[in-house]
Amino acid sequence: MSRRTSRRTSRRTGRPAGARGRGAGRGRGRPGRHPLLLAWRAARALPEPVVRGVAAAVADGLWAASAVPGLRGAAALSGLRVLAENLAAARPGADRRTSRLLLRAALRSYARYWVGFFRLDGWDEQRRRTAYRPHGFEGLRAELAAGRGVVVALSHSASWDVAGAYAALELAPVTTVAERVEPAVVYDAFVAARAAVGVEALPLTGGSPPLPRLVRRLRAGGMVPLLVDRDLGGAAVEVDLLGGRARVASGAAALADVAGCALFALESWDERDPAAPGGWVVAGRAHLVERATEGTRAERVAVTTQRVADVLGAALARHPQDWHVLQPVLLTPQGGAA
């Protein structure tokens, strides 16, 4: 039987939360008309097959533009250049054609992420269950069934939002931490959309420290998923990752150490399923990570974070096309960009 979240959450339909309301008409550039919110409204209003088709076309257009000599250096495409560098680290030694095809697959995967996120809180519970396919969750389920909370370390792969919505229905109450983005109305919309599917998102900065609340959630038997595959501006440590060195968030390891709970690393990818809407589902495999138990807390956290990086690095090498990081990850990138 599922363990459904005990916190009440509002169900939002129609326009994205925050499109009107606190801060919607204030500030420069009319935040209520932010391009992301406009795209969000359109994605909710149009039929899903149309939205998926448009998203795929945009992804392919960006991919084509990234190969045009006069456009490759454009500031607007800087994120694509960084993505290509990250993918080259995950698939070293690939020739140019393979690298280009990998970049196209990654952009299409990223487009699927946004379509799913924009429409997620409009899906019924059955759709949210079937949109995610868990593998190897027995150990994670056993911890939760015994009333013990778990920390789950994630990479920016496939859709962490679809995974969170599934977990809130099937596993345990879910609490995470979200980076603040500007304008505030966009951040508020993200938080509200996640709350609507049972995922509580605490601010990483600009509010009370999230650690005490996260520990309380864990000791109450909840689940805390945290993205860790890049430096989020908080506590970070340097690790070996994908053949280079990287600074990654140490929050998952630190939280599991403080709370004394089990730590899992989640391998995530998009899996083809002809019976699913759009032909894809999000899949995940939970890997138990042994926490370090010797040394100071800082030493334990550093060792455990490296173990998480080892698991997620291997996962990224298996599923590079579903890794969506448009910010630099490696301090010493390997390979060349597409």
Foldseek 3Di string as FASTA:
>chain_A
DADAEPDDADQDAQFFPLLDDPPQQDDPPRVNVPVVSVLLNVLRPDDVVVLLVVLLVVLVVLLVQCPDVVRVPPPVCLLLQQLLLVLCLLVPPDDPVVSSVLSSLLSSLVSVQSSCLSCVSVDDLVLLQVLEAEDACVVVQVCLVVQAEEEEEEAQFRHPLSVQLNCNTGGFQEEEEDEQDPPNSVVVSSQSSSSSSRYHYHYCDDDPHCLVVVLVCRNRRHYYYYYWQADPPDDWDWEDASNFIFTIDLVRLLSCVVNVGWYWYKQKHWDADCVRVVRIHIYIYIHTQDFDDDDDSVVRSRVSVRSSRVVRRVSCSVHVSGGNGSDNTGPDGHHRGD
